[in-house]
PDB file of N, CA and C in Angstrom:
ATOM      1  N   MET A   1     105.002  96.860 109.823  1.00  0.00           N
ATOM      2  CA  MET A   1     104.969  95.815 109.320  1.00  0.00           C
ATOM      3  C   MET A   1     106.407  94.896 109.656  1.00  0.00           C
ATOM      4  N   ILE A   2     106.897  95.475 109.828  1.00  0.00           N
ATOM      5  CA  ILE A   2     108.476  94.877 110.687  1.00  0.00           C
ATOM      6  C   ILE A   2     108.102  94.282 111.603  1.00  0.00           C
ATOM      7  N   ALA A   3     107.479  95.126 112.604  1.00  0.00           N
ATOM      8  CA  ALA A   3     106.859  94.661 113.734  1.00  0.00           C
ATOM      9  C   ALA A   3     106.068  93.657 114.289  1.00  0.00           C
ATOM     10  N   ILE A   4     105.027  93.142 112.855  1.00  0.00           N
ATOM     11  CA  ILE A   4     104.433  92.565 112.587  1.00  0.00           C
ATOM     12  C   ILE A   4     105.267  91.262 112.213  1.00  0.00           C
ATOM     13  N   LEU A   5     106.307  91.462 111.139  1.00  0.00           N
ATOM     14  CA  LEU A   5     107.868  89.926 111.231  1.00  0.00           C
ATOM     15  C   LEU A   5     108.317  89.672 112.309  1.00  0.00           C
ATOM     16  N   GLY A   6     108.678  91.071 113.129  1.00  0.00           N
ATOM     17  CA  GLY A   6     109.483  90.815 114.586  1.00  0.00           C
ATOM     18  C   GLY A   6     108.934  89.583 115.141  1.00  0.00           C
ATOM     19  N   LEU A   7     107.884  89.969 115.342  1.00  0.00           N
ATOM     20  CA  LEU A   7     106.261  88.992 116.491  1.00  0.00           C
ATOM     21  C   LEU A   7     105.881  87.753 115.760  1.00  0.00           C
ATOM     22  N   LEU A   8     106.215  87.283 114.805  1.00  0.00           N
ATOM     23  CA  LEU A   8     105.600  86.289 113.280  1.00  0.00           C
ATOM     24  C   LEU A   8     107.547  85.441 113.559  1.00  0.00           C
ATOM     25  N   ILE A   9     108.638  86.413 113.647  1.00  0.00           N
ATOM     26  CA  ILE A   9     109.922  85.291 114.177  1.00  0.00           C
ATOM     27  C   ILE A   9     110.025  84.576 115.960  1.00  0.00           C
ATOM     28  N   LEU A  10     109.532  85.766 116.172  1.00  0.00           N
ATOM     29  CA  LEU A  10     109.353  85.462 118.115  1.00  0.00           C
ATOM     30  C   LEU A  10     109.059  84.287 118.351  1.00  0.00           C
ATOM     31  N   LEU A  11     107.491  84.100 117.423  1.00  0.00           N
ATOM     32  CA  LEU A  11     106.887  83.347 117.928  1.00  0.00           C
ATOM     33  C   LEU A  11     106.986  81.710 117.519  1.00  0.00           C
ATOM     34  N   ALA A  12     107.822  81.779 116.073  1.00  0.00           N
ATOM     35  CA  ALA A  12     108.278  80.748 115.591  1.00  0.00           C
ATOM     36  C   ALA A  12     109.316  80.413 116.388  1.00  0.00           C
ATOM     37  N   ALA A  13     110.286  81.333 117.106  1.00  0.00           N
ATOM     38  CA  ALA A  13     111.387  80.445 117.725  1.00  0.00           C
ATOM     39  C   ALA A  13     110.819  80.012 118.797  1.00  0.00           C
ATOM     40  N   ALA A  14     109.444  80.794 119.634  1.00  0.00           N
ATOM     41  CA  ALA A  14     109.172  80.018 120.623  1.00  0.00           C
ATOM     42  C   ALA A  14     108.008  79.089 121.037  1.00  0.00           C
ATOM     43  N   VAL A  15     107.769  78.631 119.855  1.00  0.00           N
ATOM     44  CA  VAL A  15     107.466  77.236 119.458  1.00  0.00           C
ATOM     45  C   VAL A  15     108.930  76.330 118.822  1.00  0.00           C
ATOM     46  N   VAL A  16     109.698  77.331 118.387  1.00  0.00           N
ATOM     47  CA  VAL A  16     111.052  75.332 118.310  1.00  0.00           C
ATOM     48  C   VAL A  16     111.869  75.318 120.042  1.00  0.00           C
ATOM     49  N   GLY A  17     111.390  76.253 120.359  1.00  0.00           N
ATOM     50  CA  GLY A  17     111.973  76.361 121.702  1.00  0.00           C
ATOM     51  C   GLY A  17     110.897  75.002 122.530  1.00  0.00           C
ATOM     52  N   VAL A  18     110.180  75.893 122.617  1.00  0.00           N
ATOM     53  CA  VAL A  18     109.518  74.893 123.775  1.00  0.00           C
ATOM     54  C   VAL A  18     109.367  73.436 122.586  1.00  0.00           C
ATOM     55  N   ALA A  19     109.019  72.816 121.454  1.00  0.00           N
ATOM     56  CA  ALA A  19     109.968  71.625 120.843  1.00  0.00           C
ATOM     57  C   ALA A  19     110.500  70.707 121.105  1.00  0.00           C
ATOM     58  N   GLY A  20     112.026  72.094 121.734  1.00  0.00           N
ATOM     59  CA  GLY A  20     112.962  71.215 121.801  1.00  0.00           C
ATOM     60  C   GLY A  20     113.622  70.877 123.151  1.00  0.00           C
ATOM     61  N   VAL A  21     113.329  71.373 123.720  1.00  0.00           N
ATOM     62  CA  VAL A  21     112.833  71.212 124.872  1.00  0.00           C
ATOM     63  C   VAL A  21     112.123  69.838 125.801  1.00  0.00           C
ATOM     64  N   LEU A  22     110.347  69.889 125.232  1.00  0.00           N
ATOM     65  CA  LEU A  22     110.268  68.547 124.913  1.00  0.00           C
ATOM     66  C   LEU A  22     110.391  67.738 124.483  1.00  0.00           C
ATOM     67  N   GLY A  23     110.875  67.303 124.128  1.00  0.00           N
ATOM     68  CA  GLY A  23     111.684  66.633 122.985  1.00  0.00           C
ATOM     69  C   GLY A  23     112.731  66.119 123.179  1.00  0.00           C
ATOM     70  N   ASN A  24     113.296  66.639 124.097  1.00  0.00           N
ATOM     71  CA  ASN A  24     114.190  66.558 124.523  1.00  0.00           C
ATOM     72  C   ASN A  24     114.797  66.087 125.807  1.00  0.00           C
ATOM     73  N   GLY A  25     113.377  65.384 126.684  1.00  0.00           N
ATOM     74  CA  GLY A  25     113.516  65.799 128.101  1.00  0.00           C
ATOM     75  C   GLY A  25     113.204  64.097 128.522  1.00  0.00           C
ATOM     76  N   GLY A  26     113.655  63.582 129.577  1.00  0.00           N
ATOM     77  CA  GLY A  26     112.868  62.429 130.021  1.00  0.00           C
ATOM     78  C   GLY A  26     114.479  61.599 130.148  1.00  0.00           C
ATOM     79  N   SER A  27     114.410  59.898 130.059  1.00  0.00           N
ATOM     80  CA  SER A  27     115.516  59.653 130.783  1.00  0.00           C
ATOM     81  C   SER A  27     116.528  58.982 129.784  1.00  0.00           C
ATOM     82  N   GLY A  28     115.862  58.842 128.941  1.00  0.00           N
ATOM     83  CA  GLY A  28     116.870  58.733 127.512  1.00  0.00           C
ATOM     84  C   GLY A  28     117.325  60.014 126.755  1.00  0.00           C
ATOM     85  N   HIS A  29     117.481  60.954 127.735  1.00  0.00           N
ATOM     86  CA  HIS A  29     117.877  62.173 126.782  1.00  0.00           C
ATOM     87  C   HIS A  29     119.353  62.594 127.921  1.00  0.00           C
ATOM     88  N   GLU A  30     119.346  62.295 128.780  1.00  0.00           N
ATOM     89  CA  GLU A  30     119.515  62.271 130.454  1.00  0.00           C
ATOM     90  C   GLU A  30     121.313  63.246 130.203  1.00  0.00           C
ATOM     91  N   LEU A  31     121.833  63.908 130.529  1.00  0.00           N
ATOM     92  CA  LEU A  31     123.331  64.440 130.780  1.00  0.00           C
ATOM     93  C   LEU A  31     124.462  63.395 130.867  1.00  0.00           C
ATOM     94  N   THR A  32     125.313  62.969 129.931  1.00  0.00           N
ATOM     95  CA  THR A  32     126.221  61.984 130.342  1.00  0.00           C
ATOM     96  C   THR A  32     127.095  61.970 131.695  1.00  0.00           C
ATOM     97  N   GLY A  33     127.596  63.112 131.472  1.00  0.00           N
ATOM     98  CA  GLY A  33     128.360  64.376 132.684  1.00  0.00           C
ATOM     99  C   GLY A  33     127.889  65.327 133.227  1.00  0.00           C
ATOM    100  N   GLY A  34     127.459  65.226 134.533  1.00  0.00           N
ATOM    101  CA  GLY A  34     127.794  66.418 135.035  1.00  0.00           C
ATOM    102  C   GLY A  34     128.551  67.882 134.585  1.00  0.00           C
ATOM    103  N   PHE A  35     128.091  69.031 134.604  1.00  0.00           N
ATOM    104  CA  PHE A  35     129.090  69.898 134.467  1.00  0.00           C
ATOM    105  C   PHE A  35     128.749  70.742 135.244  1.00  0.00           C
ATOM    106  N   SER A  36     129.696  72.389 136.226  1.00  0.00           N
ATOM    107  CA  SER A  36     129.558  73.332 136.920  1.00  0.00           C
ATOM    108  C   SER A  36     129.030  74.601 136.325  1.00  0.00           C
ATOM    109  N   VAL A  37     128.890  74.891 136.157  1.00  0.00           N
ATOM    110  CA  VAL A  37     128.417  76.857 135.697  1.00  0.00           C
ATOM    111  C   VAL A  37     128.775  77.831 137.048  1.00  0.00           C
ATOM    112  N   PHE A  38     129.405  78.326 137.358  1.00  0.00           N
ATOM    113  CA  PHE A  38     130.202  79.247 138.945  1.00  0.00           C
ATOM    114  C   PHE A  38     130.077  78.379 139.915  1.00  0.00           C
ATOM    115  N   GLY A  39     130.561  77.602 139.640  1.00  0.00           N
ATOM    116  CA  GLY A  39     130.842  76.699 140.812  1.00  0.00           C
ATOM    117  C   GLY A  39     129.020  75.565 141.629  1.00  0.00           C
ATOM    118  N   TYR A  40     128.452  76.099 140.632  1.00  0.00           N
ATOM    119  CA  TYR A  40     126.836  75.615 140.869  1.00  0.00           C
ATOM    120  C   TYR A  40     127.035  74.108 139.855  1.00  0.00           C
ATOM    121  N   GLY A  41     126.608  73.146 139.832  1.00  0.00           N
ATOM    122  CA  GLY A  41     126.739  71.890 139.655  1.00  0.00           C
ATOM    123  C   GLY A  41     125.134  71.205 139.098  1.00  0.00           C
ATOM    124  N   MET A  42     125.529  71.513 137.268  1.00  0.00           N
ATOM    125  CA  MET A  42     123.881  70.949 136.525  1.00  0.00           C
ATOM    126  C   MET A  42     124.121  70.060 136.235  1.00  0.00           C
ATOM    127  N   THR A  43     122.821  68.900 136.628  1.00  0.00           N
ATOM    128  CA  THR A  43     122.850  68.290 135.760  1.00  0.00           C
ATOM    129  C   THR A  43     120.950  68.304 135.113  1.00  0.00           C
ATOM    130  N   GLY A  44     120.669  66.676 134.315  1.00  0.00           N
ATOM    131  CA  GLY A  44     119.374  66.983 133.421  1.00  0.00           C
ATOM    132  C   GLY A  44     119.913  66.464 132.687  1.00  0.00           C
ATOM    133  N   SER A  45     119.091  66.693 131.266  1.00  0.00           N
ATOM    134  CA  SER A  45     119.148  66.138 130.404  1.00  0.00           C
ATOM    135  C   SER A  45     118.914  67.382 129.399  1.00  0.00           C
ATOM    136  N   THR A  46     119.373  66.785 127.860  1.00  0.00           N
ATOM    137  CA  THR A  46     119.929  67.448 127.024  1.00  0.00           C
ATOM    138  C   THR A  46     119.074  68.324 126.777  1.00  0.00           C
ATOM    139  N   GLY A  47     117.068  68.519 127.353  1.00  0.00           N
ATOM    140  CA  GLY A  47     116.540  69.121 127.075  1.00  0.00           C
ATOM    141  C   GLY A  47     116.066  70.498 127.754  1.00  0.00           C
ATOM    142  N   MET A  48     116.914  70.049 128.953  1.00  0.00           N
ATOM    143  CA  MET A  48     116.786  71.026 130.452  1.00  0.00           C
ATOM    144  C   MET A  48     118.122  72.111 129.711  1.00  0.00           C
ATOM    145  N   LEU A  49     119.529  71.627 129.460  1.00  0.00           N
ATOM    146  CA  LEU A  49     120.650  72.115 128.745  1.00  0.00           C
ATOM    147  C   LEU A  49     119.990  73.131 127.481  1.00  0.00           C
ATOM    148  N   PHE A  50     118.872  72.895 127.220  1.00  0.00           N
ATOM    149  CA  PHE A  50     118.574  73.218 125.731  1.00  0.00           C
ATOM    150  C   PHE A  50     117.929  74.779 126.348  1.00  0.00           C
ATOM    151  N   LEU A  51     117.441  74.421 127.334  1.00  0.00           N
ATOM    152  CA  LEU A  51     116.202  75.337 127.842  1.00  0.00           C
ATOM    153  C   LEU A  51     116.682  76.678 128.869  1.00  0.00           C
ATOM    154  N   TYR A  52     118.323  76.764 129.471  1.00  0.00           N
ATOM    155  CA  TYR A  52     119.491  77.192 129.655  1.00  0.00           C
ATOM    156  C   TYR A  52     119.940  77.550 128.605  1.00  0.00           C
ATOM    157  N   GLY A  53     120.453  77.510 127.167  1.00  0.00           N
ATOM    158  CA  GLY A  53     120.414  77.700 126.493  1.00  0.00           C
ATOM    159  C   GLY A  53     119.727  78.540 125.830  1.00  0.00           C
ATOM    160  N   ILE A  54     118.469  78.763 125.645  1.00  0.00           N
ATOM    161  CA  ILE A  54     117.474  79.603 125.789  1.00  0.00           C
ATOM    162  C   ILE A  54     117.219  81.271 126.778  1.00  0.00           C
ATOM    163  N   VAL A  55     117.733  80.896 128.187  1.00  0.00           N
ATOM    164  CA  VAL A  55     117.731  81.216 128.716  1.00  0.00           C
ATOM    165  C   VAL A  55     118.546  82.416 128.747  1.00  0.00           C
ATOM    166  N   VAL A  56     119.901  81.667 128.746  1.00  0.00           N
ATOM    167  CA  VAL A  56     121.154  82.782 128.217  1.00  0.00           C
ATOM    168  C   VAL A  56     120.984  83.832 127.232  1.00  0.00           C
ATOM    169  N   GLY A  57     121.275  82.801 126.453  1.00  0.00           N
ATOM    170  CA  GLY A  57     120.481  84.123 125.283  1.00  0.00           C
ATOM    171  C   GLY A  57     119.471  85.504 124.758  1.00  0.00           C
ATOM    172  N   ALA A  58     118.263  84.977 125.169  1.00  0.00           N
ATOM    173  CA  ALA A  58     117.096  85.928 125.830  1.00  0.00           C
ATOM    174  C   ALA A  58     117.676  86.969 126.701  1.00  0.00           C
ATOM    175  N   ALA A  59     118.803  86.729 127.546  1.00  0.00           N
ATOM    176  CA  ALA A  59     118.930  87.720 128.678  1.00  0.00           C
ATOM    177  C   ALA A  59     120.198  88.729 127.611  1.00  0.00           C
ATOM    178  N   ALA A  60     120.823  87.624 126.516  1.00  0.00           N
ATOM    179  CA  ALA A  60     121.981  88.353 126.020  1.00  0.00           C
ATOM    180  C   ALA A  60     121.027  89.319 125.196  1.00  0.00           C
ATOM    181  N   LEU A  61     120.381  88.902 124.341  1.00  0.00           N
ATOM    182  CA  LEU A  61     119.509  89.846 123.098  1.00  0.00           C
ATOM    183  C   LEU A  61     119.180  90.996 124.509  1.00  0.00           C
ATOM    184  N   LEU A  62     118.260  90.688 125.442  1.00  0.00           N
ATOM    185  CA  LEU A  62     118.237  92.222 126.004  1.00  0.00           C
ATOM    186  C   LEU A  62     119.226  93.211 126.534  1.00  0.00           C
ATOM    187  N   GLY A  63     119.990  92.468 126.776  1.00  0.00           N
ATOM    188  CA  GLY A  63     121.169  93.315 127.371  1.00  0.00           C
ATOM    189  C   GLY A  63     121.749  93.903 125.765  1.00  0.00           C
ATOM    190  N   LEU A  64     121.722  93.113 124.904  1.00  0.00           N
ATOM    191  CA  LEU A  64     122.718  94.082 123.694  1.00  0.00           C
ATOM    192  C   LEU A  64     120.491  95.193 123.464  1.00  0.00           C
ATOM    193  N   ALA A  65     119.625  94.592 123.560  1.00  0.00           N
ATOM    194  CA  ALA A  65     118.814  95.296 122.517  1.00  0.00           C
ATOM    195  C   ALA A  65     118.709  97.308 123.747  1.00  0.00           C
ATOM    196  N   LEU A  66     119.211  96.704 124.699  1.00  0.00           N
ATOM    197  CA  LEU A  66     119.357  97.822 126.005  1.00  0.00           C
ATOM    198  C   LEU A  66     120.221  98.659 125.431  1.00  0.00           C
ATOM    199  N   LEU A  67     121.830  98.808 125.538  1.00  0.00           N
ATOM    200  CA  LEU A  67     122.588  99.049 124.947  1.00  0.00           C
ATOM    201  C   LEU A  67     122.487  99.437 123.550  1.00  0.00           C
ATOM    202  N   PHE A  68     121.944  99.029 122.779  1.00  0.00           N
ATOM    203  CA  PHE A  68     121.180  99.982 121.652  1.00  0.00           C
ATOM    204  C   PHE A  68     120.300 101.009 121.480  1.00  0.00           C
ATOM    205  N   THR A  69     119.803 101.421 122.517  1.00  0.00           N
ATOM    206  CA  THR A  69     119.172 101.775 122.563  1.00  0.00           C
ATOM    207  C   THR A  69     119.246 102.659 123.307  1.00  0.00           C
ATOM    208  N   GLY A  70     120.032 102.624 123.424  1.00  0.00           N
ATOM    209  CA  GLY A  70     121.104 103.789 125.520  1.00  0.00           C
ATOM    210  C   GLY A  70     122.130 104.382 124.184  1.00  0.00           C
ATOM    211  N   ALA A  71     122.476 103.755 123.523  1.00  0.00           N
ATOM    212  CA  ALA A  71     123.153 104.652 121.957  1.00  0.00           C
ATOM    213  C   ALA A  71     122.218 105.392 121.465  1.00  0.00           C
ATOM    214  N   ARG A  72     121.942 104.631 120.569  1.00  0.00           N
ATOM    215  CA  ARG A  72     120.828 105.512 119.512  1.00  0.00           C
ATOM    216  C   ARG A  72     120.036 107.135 120.436  1.00  0.00           C
ATOM    217  N   HIS A  73     119.412 106.958 122.111  1.00  0.00           N
ATOM    218  CA  HIS A  73     118.993 107.808 122.672  1.00  0.00           C
ATOM    219  C   HIS A  73     120.385 108.792 123.308  1.00  0.00           C
ATOM    220  N   ARG A  74     121.606 108.717 123.217  1.00  0.00           N
ATOM    221  CA  ARG A  74     122.567 109.258 123.545  1.00  0.00           C
ATOM    222  C   ARG A  74     122.240 109.962 121.888  1.00  0.00           C
ATOM    223  N   ALA A  75     122.897 109.718 120.983  1.00  0.00           N
ATOM    224  CA  ALA A  75     123.178 109.917 119.400  1.00  0.00           C
ATOM    225  C   ALA A  75     122.153 111.387 119.793  1.00  0.00           C
ATOM    226  N   SER A  76     120.726 110.950 120.059  1.00  0.00           N
ATOM    227  CA  SER A  76     119.398 112.017 118.424  1.00  0.00           C
ATOM    228  C   SER A  76     119.755 113.559 120.201  1.00  0.00           C
ATOM    229  N   ARG A  77     119.983 112.901 121.274  1.00  0.00           N
ATOM    230  CA  ARG A  77     119.890 114.139 122.571  1.00  0.00           C
ATOM    231  C   ARG A  77     121.332 114.442 121.881  1.00  0.00           C
ATOM    232  N   HIS A  78     122.269 114.122 121.467  1.00  0.00           N
ATOM    233  CA  HIS A  78     123.216 114.760 121.101  1.00  0.00           C
ATOM    234  C   HIS A  78     122.920 115.477 119.606  1.00  0.00           C
ATOM    235  N   GLY A  79     122.470 114.879 119.007  1.00  0.00           N
ATOM    236  CA  GLY A  79     122.674 116.115 117.139  1.00  0.00           C
ATOM    237  C   GLY A  79     120.837 116.580 117.638  1.00  0.00           C
ATOM    238  N   ARG A  80     120.161 117.089 118.641  1.00  0.00           N
ATOM    239  CA  ARG A  80     119.346 117.995 119.034  1.00  0.00           C
ATOM    240  C   ARG A  80     119.996 118.898 119.604  1.00  0.00           C
ATOM    241  N   THR A  81     121.107 118.922 120.453  1.00  0.00           N
ATOM    242  CA  THR A  81     121.702 119.891 120.915  1.00  0.00           C
ATOM    243  C   THR A  81     122.271 120.616 119.970  1.00  0.00           C
ATOM    244  N   LYS A  82     123.336 120.020 119.242  1.00  0.00           N
ATOM    245  CA  LYS A  82     123.955 120.458 118.034  1.00  0.00           C
ATOM    246  C   LYS A  82     122.807 121.017 117.313  1.00  0.00           C
ATOM    247  N   ARG A  83     121.705 120.723 116.535  1.00  0.00           N
ATOM    248  CA  ARG A  83     120.612 121.816 116.328  1.00  0.00           C
ATOM    249  C   ARG A  83     119.925 122.352 116.805  1.00  0.00           C
ATOM    250  N   HIS A  84     120.035 122.556 117.896  1.00  0.00           N
ATOM    251  CA  HIS A  84     119.823 123.851 118.428  1.00  0.00           C
ATOM    252  C   HIS A  84     120.293 124.980 118.910  1.00  0.00           C
ATOM    253  N   GLY A  85     121.902 124.347 118.742  1.00  0.00           N
ATOM    254  CA  GLY A  85     122.923 125.292 118.492  1.00  0.00           C
ATOM    255  C   GLY A  85     122.767 126.684 117.500  1.00  0.00           C
ATOM    256  N   LEU A  86     123.099 125.364 116.566  1.00  0.00           N
ATOM    257  CA  LEU A  86     123.161 126.523 115.247  1.00  0.00           C
ATOM    258  C   LEU A  86     121.612 126.360 114.809  1.00  0.00           C
ATOM    259  N   LYS A  87     120.469 126.874 114.746  1.00  0.00           N
ATOM    260  CA  LYS A  87     119.422 127.793 114.853  1.00  0.00           C
ATOM    261  C   LYS A  87     119.358 128.145 115.470  1.00  0.00           C
ATOM    262  N   GLN A  88     120.284 128.130 116.755  1.00  0.00           N
ATOM    263  CA  GLN A  88     120.114 129.611 118.197  1.00  0.00           C
ATOM    264  C   GLN A  88     121.575 130.883 116.810  1.00  0.00           C
ATOM    265  N   SER A  89     122.706 130.083 116.121  1.00  0.00           N
ATOM    266  CA  SER A  89     123.549 131.062 115.879  1.00  0.00           C
ATOM    267  C   SER A  89     123.409 131.520 115.019  1.00  0.00           C
ATOM    268  N   HIS A  90     122.015 131.128 114.436  1.00  0.00           N
ATOM    269  CA  HIS A  90     121.398 131.540 112.835  1.00  0.00           C
ATOM    270  C   HIS A  90     120.350 132.717 112.650  1.00  0.00           C
ATOM    271  N   HIS A  91     119.638 132.970 114.306  1.00  0.00           N
ATOM    272  CA  HIS A  91     119.356 133.550 114.561  1.00  0.00           C
ATOM    273  C   HIS A  91     119.701 134.571 115.197  1.00  0.00           C
ATOM    274  N   GLU A  92     121.164 134.626 115.884  1.00  0.00           N
ATOM    275  CA  GLU A  92     122.093 135.890 116.287  1.00  0.00           C
ATOM    276  C   GLU A  92     122.121 136.419 115.275  1.00  0.00           C
ATOM    277  N   ARG A  93     122.997 135.872 114.227  1.00  0.00           N
ATOM    278  CA  ARG A  93     123.132 136.483 113.041  1.00  0.00           C
ATOM    279  C   ARG A  93     122.330 136.960 112.431  1.00  0.00           C
ATOM    280  N   ALA A  94     121.106 136.566 111.959  1.00  0.00           N
ATOM    281  CA  ALA A  94     120.015 137.082 111.528  1.00  0.00           C
ATOM    282  C   ALA A  94     120.046 138.730 112.206  1.00  0.00           C
ATOM    283  N   ALA A  95     119.949 138.372 113.497  1.00  0.00           N
ATOM    284  CA  ALA A  95     119.356 139.659 114.666  1.00  0.00           C
ATOM    285  C   ALA A  95     120.706 140.729 114.156  1.00  0.00           C
ATOM    286  N   GLY A  96     122.602 140.433 113.961  1.00  0.00           N
ATOM    287  CA  GLY A  96     123.510 141.047 113.683  1.00  0.00           C
ATOM    288  C   GLY A  96     123.498 141.122 112.334  1.00  0.00           C
ATOM    289  N   ASP A  97     122.722 141.333 111.576  1.00  0.00           N
ATOM    290  CA  ASP A  97     122.426 141.631 110.132  1.00  0.00           C
ATOM    291  C   ASP A  97     121.676 142.694 110.025  1.00  0.00           C
ATOM    292  N   ASN A  98     120.895 142.476 110.609  1.00  0.00           N
ATOM    293  CA  ASN A  98     119.162 143.360 110.886  1.00  0.00           C
ATOM    294  C   ASN A  98     119.554 144.614 111.345  1.00  0.00           C
ATOM    295  N   GLU A  99     120.818 144.727 112.173  1.00  0.00           N
ATOM    296  CA  GLU A  99     121.255 146.104 113.382  1.00  0.00           C
ATOM    297  C   GLU A  99     122.091 146.637 112.706  1.00  0.00           C
ATOM    298  N   HIS A 100     123.013 146.048 111.373  1.00  0.00           N
ATOM    299  CA  HIS A 100     124.112 146.921 110.512  1.00  0.00           C
ATOM    300  C   HIS A 100     123.596 146.856 109.274  1.00  0.00           C
ATOM    301  N   PRO A 101     123.312 146.774 108.594  1.00  0.00           N
ATOM    302  CA  PRO A 101     122.862 147.029 107.322  1.00  0.00           C
ATOM    303  C   PRO A 101     123.882 147.749 106.395  1.00  0.00           C
ATOM    304  N   ALA A 102     124.746 147.052 105.566  1.00  0.00           N
ATOM    305  CA  ALA A 102     125.274 147.474 104.194  1.00  0.00           C
ATOM    306  C   ALA A 102     125.468 148.488 103.626  1.00  0.00           C
TER     307      ALA A 102
END
């Protein structure tokens, strides 16, 4: 259910992005002054600027998703190691109790 909702939101965002880029193109939407990013001069329309924003936002979202996936993987591995150690400790304790009855 959550995956379907996520897919619908992604589809809606794609439609809005395409409409924003196509609706702000052409000579009527030219940037009044150029700007530079890392020394590279940027010119074009407001639609292209919007498209650049979409690309940068998507890259940031991908990086954040990878960061959270790595953190979740490390936490689950750490928890699995602790559970294994606890289970082994219980087995050793049970074996020790069986050897020395009270």
